[in-house]
């Protein structure tokens, strides 16, 4: 009886793990600029530089709490997005959304620049669970956010 219960519990736990992993949505967008990697990162890679290049972001405020760094983004419609910096390198940063009107939960994303010959590839990728929307709707929304930002970078800083 106890073994049967343990076996059933283990199967349930395994199925939960697989169903959770399967529900994660991934989106990745890239562009190539004719500028060099260091110059590109200098223009877009600051934690609050997003307010300079993303058309949906009108204001960015950096908040420090102990060793943690956050940003509070204000969007053109007045909505707020509160994010935490997870990791930073010389050519990328990874962050998570803590509060937002976007249809995502458990969101982690990375913006990076890498050499592509004499050009620069900018990659913006994220993984998350859809929240209050279908996976497709959440993916379409985030793909639009990424593409809108990358298109603005290309228009402002690249060719």
Protein backbone atom coordinates (compact mmCIF):
# COMPACT_ATOMS: atom_id res chain seq x y z
CA UNK A 1 0.00 0.00 0.00
CA UNK A 2 2.73 2.45 1.00
CA UNK A 3 4.85 1.45 -1.99
CA UNK A 4 1.89 1.97 -4.30
CA UNK A 5 1.30 5.44 -2.82
CA UNK A 6 4.99 6.38 -3.19
CA UNK A 7 5.04 5.07 -6.77
CA UNK A 8 1.90 7.08 -7.63
CA UNK A 9 3.34 10.21 -5.99
CA UNK A 10 6.62 9.83 -7.90
CA UNK A 11 4.83 9.39 -11.22
CA UNK A 12 2.72 12.47 -10.48
CA UNK A 13 5.83 14.49 -9.61
CA UNK A 14 7.61 13.39 -12.78
CA UNK A 15 4.60 14.22 -14.94
CA UNK A 16 4.33 17.64 -13.26
CA UNK A 17 7.99 18.34 -14.02
CA UNK A 18 7.58 17.36 -17.66
CA UNK A 19 4.37 19.30 -18.12
CA UNK A 20 5.91 22.41 -16.53
CA UNK A 21 9.00 22.20 -18.72
CA UNK A 22 6.87 21.63 -21.80
CA UNK A 23 4.79 24.73 -21.11
CA UNK A 24 7.73 27.12 -21.19
CA UNK A 25 7.63 29.52 -24.12
CA UNK A 26 10.82 30.63 -25.82
CA UNK A 27 11.28 33.61 -28.11
CA UNK A 28 14.48 34.72 -29.82
CA UNK A 29 15.02 37.65 -32.17
CA UNK A 30 18.26 38.82 -33.79
CA UNK A 31 19.55 41.60 -35.99
CA UNK A 32 22.90 42.33 -37.61
CA UNK A 33 24.42 45.82 -37.48
CA UNK A 34 27.35 47.09 -39.48
CA UNK A 35 28.89 48.64 -36.34
CA UNK A 36 31.52 46.92 -34.20
CA UNK A 37 30.53 45.01 -31.08
CA UNK A 38 32.14 47.30 -28.49
CA UNK A 39 30.58 50.45 -29.95
CA UNK A 40 27.19 48.77 -30.22
CA UNK A 41 27.25 47.54 -26.62
CA UNK A 42 28.37 50.95 -25.40
CA UNK A 43 25.24 52.46 -26.99
CA UNK A 44 22.66 49.85 -25.94
CA UNK A 45 24.13 47.82 -23.08
CA UNK A 46 23.60 50.07 -20.08
CA UNK A 47 20.94 48.76 -17.69
CA UNK A 48 18.69 51.76 -18.35
CA UNK A 49 19.75 52.42 -21.96
CA UNK A 50 16.55 50.63 -22.98
CA UNK A 51 14.73 53.95 -22.45
CA UNK A 52 16.95 55.44 -25.20
CA UNK A 53 16.34 52.74 -27.79
CA UNK A 54 13.05 50.94 -27.14
CA UNK A 55 10.08 52.90 -28.51
CA UNK A 56 7.66 51.53 -25.87
CA UNK A 57 9.81 52.67 -22.92
CA UNK A 58 9.52 56.33 -21.93
CA UNK A 59 11.39 56.22 -18.62
CA UNK A 60 13.80 53.95 -16.76
CA UNK A 61 14.71 54.25 -13.10
CA UNK A 62 17.55 52.21 -11.54
CA UNK A 63 16.91 50.95 -8.02
CA UNK A 64 19.61 49.37 -5.82
CA UNK A 65 18.66 47.17 -2.86
CA UNK A 66 21.75 45.76 -1.20
CA UNK A 67 23.67 43.88 -3.88
CA UNK A 68 20.64 43.63 -6.16
CA UNK A 69 19.93 45.99 -9.07
CA UNK A 70 16.44 46.61 -10.42
CA UNK A 71 14.89 48.84 -13.03
CA UNK A 72 11.43 50.30 -13.10
CA UNK A 73 10.32 50.93 -16.68
CA UNK A 74 7.47 53.25 -17.57
CA UNK A 75 5.81 52.47 -20.88
CA UNK A 76 4.17 54.97 -23.22
CA UNK A 77 0.70 53.96 -21.99
CA UNK A 78 1.73 54.56 -18.35
CA UNK A 79 2.10 50.87 -17.49
CA UNK A 80 5.06 49.82 -15.31
CA UNK A 81 7.47 46.92 -15.70
CA UNK A 82 9.69 46.07 -12.72
CA UNK A 83 12.78 43.98 -13.53
CA UNK A 84 15.77 42.54 -11.68
CA UNK A 85 19.27 42.26 -13.17
CA UNK A 86 20.42 38.66 -12.78
CA UNK A 87 23.80 38.64 -14.54
CA UNK A 88 25.97 41.06 -16.48
CA UNK A 89 29.00 40.42 -18.68
CA UNK A 90 31.02 42.73 -20.91
CA UNK A 91 28.58 42.11 -23.78
CA UNK A 92 25.28 40.88 -22.31
CA UNK A 93 22.86 41.07 -19.44
CA UNK A 94 20.23 38.69 -18.15
CA UNK A 95 17.19 39.86 -16.25
CA UNK A 96 13.86 38.72 -14.90
CA UNK A 97 10.50 40.47 -14.84
CA UNK A 98 9.07 40.69 -11.33
CA UNK A 99 5.94 42.74 -12.11
CA UNK A 100 4.40 43.63 -15.45
CA UNK A 101 1.19 43.83 -17.47
CA UNK A 102 2.77 41.52 -20.07
CA UNK A 103 1.26 38.01 -20.45
CA UNK A 104 4.30 36.29 -18.91
CA UNK A 105 5.35 34.64 -15.64
CA UNK A 106 8.67 33.11 -14.59
CA UNK A 107 10.28 35.30 -17.25
CA UNK A 108 14.04 35.39 -17.82
CA UNK A 109 15.65 37.07 -20.83
CA UNK A 110 19.08 37.97 -22.15
CA UNK A 111 20.21 40.75 -24.45
CA UNK A 112 23.65 40.20 -25.96
CA UNK A 113 25.99 41.41 -28.67
CA UNK A 114 28.45 39.14 -30.45
CA UNK A 115 30.82 39.62 -33.38
CA UNK A 116 29.52 38.50 -36.76
CA UNK A 117 32.53 38.94 -38.99
CA UNK A 118 33.13 42.71 -39.07
CA UNK A 119 29.54 43.29 -37.99
CA UNK A 120 27.61 42.80 -34.76
CA UNK A 121 24.78 40.43 -33.99
CA UNK A 122 22.31 41.57 -31.31
CA UNK A 123 20.29 38.75 -29.80
CA UNK A 124 17.33 39.17 -27.47
CA UNK A 125 15.93 35.91 -26.15
CA UNK A 126 13.58 34.96 -23.38
CA UNK A 127 11.94 31.98 -21.75
CA UNK A 128 8.79 32.18 -19.69
CA UNK A 129 5.36 30.75 -18.99
CA UNK A 130 2.30 32.31 -20.58
CA UNK A 131 0.11 34.11 -18.04
CA UNK A 132 -3.50 34.97 -18.82
CA UNK A 133 -2.98 34.20 -22.51
CA UNK A 134 -2.27 31.27 -24.78
CA UNK A 135 1.34 30.32 -25.42
CA UNK A 136 0.97 31.66 -28.97
CA UNK A 137 -0.43 35.00 -27.81
CA UNK A 138 2.33 35.38 -25.20
CA UNK A 139 4.97 34.44 -27.80
CA UNK A 140 3.53 36.87 -30.35
CA UNK A 141 3.46 39.66 -27.74
CA UNK A 142 7.05 39.13 -26.63
CA UNK A 143 8.28 38.68 -30.21
CA UNK A 144 6.71 42.07 -30.95
CA UNK A 145 8.42 43.63 -27.92
CA UNK A 146 11.80 42.22 -28.97
CA UNK A 147 11.42 43.06 -32.65
CA UNK A 148 10.21 46.59 -31.89
CA UNK A 149 13.30 47.22 -29.79
CA UNK A 150 15.71 45.65 -32.25
CA UNK A 151 14.19 47.54 -35.18
CA UNK A 152 14.62 50.81 -33.25
CA UNK A 153 18.26 49.96 -32.48
CA UNK A 154 18.88 49.22 -36.14
CA UNK A 155 17.28 52.47 -37.21
CA UNK A 156 19.15 54.53 -34.61
CA UNK A 157 22.55 52.83 -34.47
CA UNK A 158 23.07 50.57 -37.44
CA UNK A 159 22.53 49.91 -41.07
